Amino acid sequence: MMTTADPSSPSDPESRPRPLYTARVDNSRGTSGQVRIHDGPASLDVAQRRDDAAVEPEIELPTGGPRSPAQGFNPEQFLAMAWSTCLGETLRVVLSERGLAHESRVSVEVEMHRDPAGGFRFTPRALVSIEEMAPREVRELAEAAHTRCPVSKLLTAPGASDVELVVAASG
């Protein structure tokens, strides 16, 4: 299920269950850009091996749990990185197809909650903003990108958790 919300009238945070942990990631420029992880490891040691120039380098990223201090990246962060990058790139494509040269940004939060059925569950939420565009237009473009984005499709498949798409205009 996708919910489109307007951040100027957010739902009461007290009405939602309190998460055990929230990963926060921002993406700019889709797959041509970068992600910023708000609570990642203090330093990232990326090991690259180049045995053959025709082969892509291997990159090793440290993994860890969501406890502080972060020693590696956790599943919530990887999910947030994947969705923000994929949705950000799909949004760039939608903007380009419509002849719009606006800069956009996708921020994703992935909350971890206890699942009443046992174990844990993730609740992902994306905040989409497009510079110099009215909220109604941003909402329409964000929904078009969300419908086409492969990670969005995965998250909204039958049986998937609730996914929320939030639209914000920045001027």
C-alpha atoms as a PDB file:
ATOM      1  CA  MET A   1       0.000   0.000   0.000  1.00  0.00           C
ATOM      2  CA  MET A   2       1.254   3.468  -0.819  1.00  0.00           C
ATOM      3  CA  THR A   3       0.139   6.492   1.116  1.00  0.00           C
ATOM      4  CA  THR A   4       0.827   9.932  -0.269  1.00  0.00           C
ATOM      5  CA  ALA A   5       1.082  12.496   2.488  1.00  0.00           C
ATOM      6  CA  ASP A   6       1.631  16.211   2.596  1.00  0.00           C
ATOM      7  CA  PRO A   7       4.463  17.054   5.044  1.00  0.00           C
ATOM      8  CA  SER A   8       2.815  20.368   5.879  1.00  0.00           C
ATOM      9  CA  SER A   9       0.079  18.366   7.618  1.00  0.00           C
ATOM     10  CA  PRO A  10       1.942  15.325   8.990  1.00  0.00           C
ATOM     11  CA  SER A  11       0.058  12.617  10.812  1.00  0.00           C
ATOM     12  CA  ASP A  12       0.393  12.780  14.566  1.00  0.00           C
ATOM     13  CA  PRO A  13       3.725  11.060  15.356  1.00  0.00           C
ATOM     14  CA  GLU A  14       2.241   9.928  18.664  1.00  0.00           C
ATOM     15  CA  SER A  15      -0.393   7.897  16.822  1.00  0.00           C
ATOM     16  CA  ARG A  16       2.253   5.720  15.144  1.00  0.00           C
ATOM     17  CA  PRO A  17       4.050   3.014  17.096  1.00  0.00           C
ATOM     18  CA  ARG A  18       7.464   4.143  18.299  1.00  0.00           C
ATOM     19  CA  PRO A  19      10.222   2.508  16.215  1.00  0.00           C
ATOM     20  CA  LEU A  20      13.102   0.629  17.799  1.00  0.00           C
ATOM     21  CA  TYR A  21      15.444   2.234  15.266  1.00  0.00           C
ATOM     22  CA  THR A  22      15.205   4.538  12.234  1.00  0.00           C
ATOM     23  CA  ALA A  23      17.707   4.663   9.383  1.00  0.00           C
ATOM     24  CA  ARG A  24      17.779   7.955   7.442  1.00  0.00           C
ATOM     25  CA  VAL A  25      19.302   8.341   3.979  1.00  0.00           C
ATOM     26  CA  ASP A  26      19.234  11.162   1.406  1.00  0.00           C
ATOM     27  CA  ASN A  27      19.866  10.706  -2.312  1.00  0.00           C
ATOM     28  CA  SER A  28      20.604  13.420  -4.816  1.00  0.00           C
ATOM     29  CA  ARG A  29      20.961  12.824  -8.567  1.00  0.00           C
ATOM     30  CA  GLY A  30      19.762   9.171  -8.510  1.00  0.00           C
ATOM     31  CA  THR A  31      22.320   6.649  -9.739  1.00  0.00           C
ATOM     32  CA  SER A  32      24.587   9.462 -10.986  1.00  0.00           C
ATOM     33  CA  GLY A  33      24.722  11.064  -7.564  1.00  0.00           C
ATOM     34  CA  GLN A  34      25.344  10.058  -4.010  1.00  0.00           C
ATOM     35  CA  VAL A  35      23.644   8.984  -0.818  1.00  0.00           C
ATOM     36  CA  ARG A  36      24.152  10.499   2.617  1.00  0.00           C
ATOM     37  CA  ILE A  37      23.620   8.141   5.530  1.00  0.00           C
ATOM     38  CA  HIS A  38      22.746  10.082   8.663  1.00  0.00           C
ATOM     39  CA  ASP A  39      23.796   7.468  11.209  1.00  0.00           C
ATOM     40  CA  GLY A  40      26.392   5.365   9.394  1.00  0.00           C
ATOM     41  CA  PRO A  41      29.845   4.356  10.586  1.00  0.00           C
ATOM     42  CA  ALA A  42      32.147   7.234  11.472  1.00  0.00           C
ATOM     43  CA  SER A  43      34.588   6.084   8.801  1.00  0.00           C
ATOM     44  CA  LEU A  44      34.164   3.874   5.781  1.00  0.00           C
ATOM     45  CA  ASP A  45      37.021   1.697   4.640  1.00  0.00           C
ATOM     46  CA  VAL A  46      36.200   0.555   1.121  1.00  0.00           C
ATOM     47  CA  ALA A  47      38.474  -2.194  -0.206  1.00  0.00           C
ATOM     48  CA  GLN A  48      38.718  -2.301  -3.989  1.00  0.00           C
ATOM     49  CA  ARG A  49      40.427  -4.968  -6.054  1.00  0.00           C
ATOM     50  CA  ARG A  50      41.331  -4.435  -9.698  1.00  0.00           C
ATOM     51  CA  ASP A  51      42.691  -7.664 -11.181  1.00  0.00           C
ATOM     52  CA  ASP A  52      41.330  -6.895 -14.637  1.00  0.00           C
ATOM     53  CA  ALA A  53      40.499  -3.450 -15.995  1.00  0.00           C
ATOM     54  CA  ALA A  54      37.404  -4.887 -17.756  1.00  0.00           C
ATOM     55  CA  VAL A  55      35.951  -6.168 -14.479  1.00  0.00           C
ATOM     56  CA  GLU A  56      34.153  -3.898 -12.037  1.00  0.00           C
ATOM     57  CA  PRO A  57      35.967  -3.509  -8.705  1.00  0.00           C
ATOM     58  CA  GLU A  58      34.737  -5.435  -5.699  1.00  0.00           C
ATOM     59  CA  ILE A  59      33.647  -3.253  -2.843  1.00  0.00           C
ATOM     60  CA  GLU A  60      33.451  -4.555   0.681  1.00  0.00           C
ATOM     61  CA  LEU A  61      31.188  -2.674   3.061  1.00  0.00           C
ATOM     62  CA  PRO A  62      31.225  -3.477   6.763  1.00  0.00           C
ATOM     63  CA  THR A  63      27.904  -4.674   8.153  1.00  0.00           C
ATOM     64  CA  GLY A  64      26.533  -4.315  11.629  1.00  0.00           C
ATOM     65  CA  GLY A  65      23.446  -3.851  13.715  1.00  0.00           C
ATOM     66  CA  PRO A  66      21.605  -0.626  14.445  1.00  0.00           C
ATOM     67  CA  ARG A  67      23.205  -0.175  17.877  1.00  0.00           C
ATOM     68  CA  SER A  68      25.466   2.748  18.642  1.00  0.00           C
ATOM     69  CA  PRO A  69      28.318   3.192  17.953  1.00  0.00           C
ATOM     70  CA  ALA A  70      27.708   2.022  14.391  1.00  0.00           C
ATOM     71  CA  GLN A  71      30.493  -0.302  13.279  1.00  0.00           C
ATOM     72  CA  GLY A  72      28.988  -1.076   9.881  1.00  0.00           C
ATOM     73  CA  PHE A  73      25.907  -0.642   7.747  1.00  0.00           C
ATOM     74  CA  ASN A  74      22.696  -2.370   8.768  1.00  0.00           C
ATOM     75  CA  PRO A  75      19.814  -3.750   6.671  1.00  0.00           C
ATOM     76  CA  GLU A  76      17.681  -0.673   7.331  1.00  0.00           C
ATOM     77  CA  GLN A  77      20.386   1.548   5.839  1.00  0.00           C
ATOM     78  CA  PHE A  78      20.890  -0.715   2.821  1.00  0.00           C
ATOM     79  CA  LEU A  79      17.144  -0.706   2.140  1.00  0.00           C
ATOM     80  CA  ALA A  80      17.031   3.080   2.525  1.00  0.00           C
ATOM     81  CA  MET A  81      20.032   3.472   0.180  1.00  0.00           C
ATOM     82  CA  ALA A  82      18.469   1.165  -2.415  1.00  0.00           C
ATOM     83  CA  TRP A  83      15.048   2.807  -2.408  1.00  0.00           C
ATOM     84  CA  SER A  84      16.308   6.407  -2.295  1.00  0.00           C
ATOM     85  CA  THR A  85      18.710   5.788  -5.182  1.00  0.00           C
ATOM     86  CA  CYS A  86      16.234   3.857  -7.331  1.00  0.00           C
ATOM     87  CA  LEU A  87      13.322   6.232  -6.695  1.00  0.00           C
ATOM     88  CA  GLY A  88      15.625   9.218  -7.194  1.00  0.00           C
ATOM     89  CA  GLU A  89      16.817   7.899 -10.565  1.00  0.00           C
ATOM     90  CA  THR A  90      13.284   7.012 -11.676  1.00  0.00           C
ATOM     91  CA  LEU A  91      12.165  10.522 -10.710  1.00  0.00           C
ATOM     92  CA  ARG A  92      14.993  11.974 -12.814  1.00  0.00           C
ATOM     93  CA  VAL A  93      13.771   9.909 -15.784  1.00  0.00           C
ATOM     94  CA  VAL A  94      10.162  11.073 -15.279  1.00  0.00           C
ATOM     95  CA  LEU A  95      11.302  14.706 -15.070  1.00  0.00           C
ATOM     96  CA  SER A  96      13.452  14.321 -18.199  1.00  0.00           C
ATOM     97  CA  GLU A  97      10.651  12.672 -20.180  1.00  0.00           C
ATOM     98  CA  ARG A  98       8.447  15.678 -19.386  1.00  0.00           C
ATOM     99  CA  GLY A  99      11.142  18.171 -20.341  1.00  0.00           C
ATOM    100  CA  LEU A 100      11.602  19.417 -16.776  1.00  0.00           C
ATOM    101  CA  ALA A 101      15.102  20.391 -15.598  1.00  0.00           C
ATOM    102  CA  HIS A 102      14.318  20.690 -11.881  1.00  0.00           C
ATOM    103  CA  GLU A 103      16.654  19.292  -9.223  1.00  0.00           C
ATOM    104  CA  SER A 104      15.094  16.676  -6.984  1.00  0.00           C
ATOM    105  CA  ARG A 105      15.953  14.873  -3.776  1.00  0.00           C
ATOM    106  CA  VAL A 106      14.674  11.662  -2.226  1.00  0.00           C
ATOM    107  CA  SER A 107      15.082  11.044   1.483  1.00  0.00           C
ATOM    108  CA  VAL A 108      14.126   7.663   2.903  1.00  0.00           C
ATOM    109  CA  GLU A 109      13.515   6.589   6.473  1.00  0.00           C
ATOM    110  CA  VAL A 110      13.277   2.913   7.331  1.00  0.00           C
ATOM    111  CA  GLU A 111      11.872   2.247  10.775  1.00  0.00           C
ATOM    112  CA  MET A 112      12.362  -1.065  12.529  1.00  0.00           C
ATOM    113  CA  HIS A 113       9.447  -2.190  14.697  1.00  0.00           C
ATOM    114  CA  ARG A 114       8.616  -5.284  16.695  1.00  0.00           C
ATOM    115  CA  ASP A 115       6.164  -7.403  14.743  1.00  0.00           C
ATOM    116  CA  PRO A 116       3.206  -8.591  16.851  1.00  0.00           C
ATOM    117  CA  ALA A 117       3.400 -11.881  14.932  1.00  0.00           C
ATOM    118  CA  GLY A 118       7.012 -12.287  16.103  1.00  0.00           C
ATOM    119  CA  GLY A 119      10.365 -10.895  15.111  1.00  0.00           C
ATOM    120  CA  PHE A 120      10.663  -7.487  13.513  1.00  0.00           C
ATOM    121  CA  ARG A 121       9.301  -5.545  10.534  1.00  0.00           C
ATOM    122  CA  PHE A 122      10.402  -2.520   8.535  1.00  0.00           C
ATOM    123  CA  THR A 123       8.259   0.518   7.757  1.00  0.00           C
ATOM    124  CA  PRO A 124       9.835   2.513   4.916  1.00  0.00           C
ATOM    125  CA  ARG A 125       8.858   6.111   4.096  1.00  0.00           C
ATOM    126  CA  ALA A 126      10.156   8.283   1.243  1.00  0.00           C
ATOM    127  CA  LEU A 127      10.139  12.078   1.180  1.00  0.00           C
ATOM    128  CA  VAL A 128      10.326  13.435  -2.368  1.00  0.00           C
ATOM    129  CA  SER A 129      11.119  17.079  -3.047  1.00  0.00           C
ATOM    130  CA  ILE A 130      11.561  18.928  -6.325  1.00  0.00           C
ATOM    131  CA  GLU A 131      12.976  22.449  -6.357  1.00  0.00           C
ATOM    132  CA  GLU A 132      10.801  25.332  -7.534  1.00  0.00           C
ATOM    133  CA  MET A 133       7.682  23.245  -8.042  1.00  0.00           C
ATOM    134  CA  ALA A 134       4.206  23.383  -6.502  1.00  0.00           C
ATOM    135  CA  PRO A 135       3.271  20.553  -4.104  1.00  0.00           C
ATOM    136  CA  ARG A 136       0.481  19.306  -6.398  1.00  0.00           C
ATOM    137  CA  GLU A 137       2.947  18.920  -9.294  1.00  0.00           C
ATOM    138  CA  VAL A 138       5.561  17.295  -7.049  1.00  0.00           C
ATOM    139  CA  ARG A 139       2.954  14.809  -5.811  1.00  0.00           C
ATOM    140  CA  GLU A 140       1.956  13.849  -9.362  1.00  0.00           C
ATOM    141  CA  LEU A 141       5.573  13.381 -10.491  1.00  0.00           C
ATOM    142  CA  ALA A 142       6.540  11.501  -7.306  1.00  0.00           C
ATOM    143  CA  GLU A 143       3.605   9.122  -7.732  1.00  0.00           C
ATOM    144  CA  ALA A 144       4.549   8.537 -11.395  1.00  0.00           C
ATOM    145  CA  ALA A 145       8.123   7.696 -10.337  1.00  0.00           C
ATOM    146  CA  HIS A 146       6.936   5.506  -7.447  1.00  0.00           C
ATOM    147  CA  THR A 147       4.736   3.516  -9.842  1.00  0.00           C
ATOM    148  CA  ARG A 148       7.714   2.831 -12.151  1.00  0.00           C
ATOM    149  CA  CYS A 149      10.541   2.373  -9.610  1.00  0.00           C
ATOM    150  CA  PRO A 150      11.608  -1.303  -9.282  1.00  0.00           C
ATOM    151  CA  VAL A 151      12.344  -0.992  -5.557  1.00  0.00           C
ATOM    152  CA  SER A 152       8.969   0.690  -4.985  1.00  0.00           C
ATOM    153  CA  LYS A 153       7.349  -2.218  -6.824  1.00  0.00           C
ATOM    154  CA  LEU A 154       9.166  -4.667  -4.555  1.00  0.00           C
ATOM    155  CA  LEU A 155       8.109  -2.800  -1.427  1.00  0.00           C
ATOM    156  CA  THR A 156       4.472  -2.557  -2.519  1.00  0.00           C
ATOM    157  CA  ALA A 157       4.109  -6.155  -3.722  1.00  0.00           C
ATOM    158  CA  PRO A 158       1.254  -8.161  -2.156  1.00  0.00           C
ATOM    159  CA  GLY A 159       2.153  -9.020   1.408  1.00  0.00           C
ATOM    160  CA  ALA A 160       4.750  -6.256   1.654  1.00  0.00           C
ATOM    161  CA  SER A 161       4.756  -3.825   4.561  1.00  0.00           C
ATOM    162  CA  ASP A 162       3.097  -0.422   4.418  1.00  0.00           C
ATOM    163  CA  VAL A 163       5.086   2.065   2.379  1.00  0.00           C
ATOM    164  CA  GLU A 164       4.533   5.792   2.664  1.00  0.00           C
ATOM    165  CA  LEU A 165       5.500   8.341   0.037  1.00  0.00           C
ATOM    166  CA  VAL A 166       5.670  11.921   1.325  1.00  0.00           C
ATOM    167  CA  VAL A 167       5.850  14.859  -1.061  1.00  0.00           C
ATOM    168  CA  ALA A 168       7.474  18.189  -0.245  1.00  0.00           C
ATOM    169  CA  ALA A 169       8.073  21.227  -2.410  1.00  0.00           C
ATOM    170  CA  SER A 170      11.198  23.253  -1.778  1.00  0.00           C
ATOM    171  CA  GLY A 171      11.676  26.691  -3.177  1.00  0.00           C
END
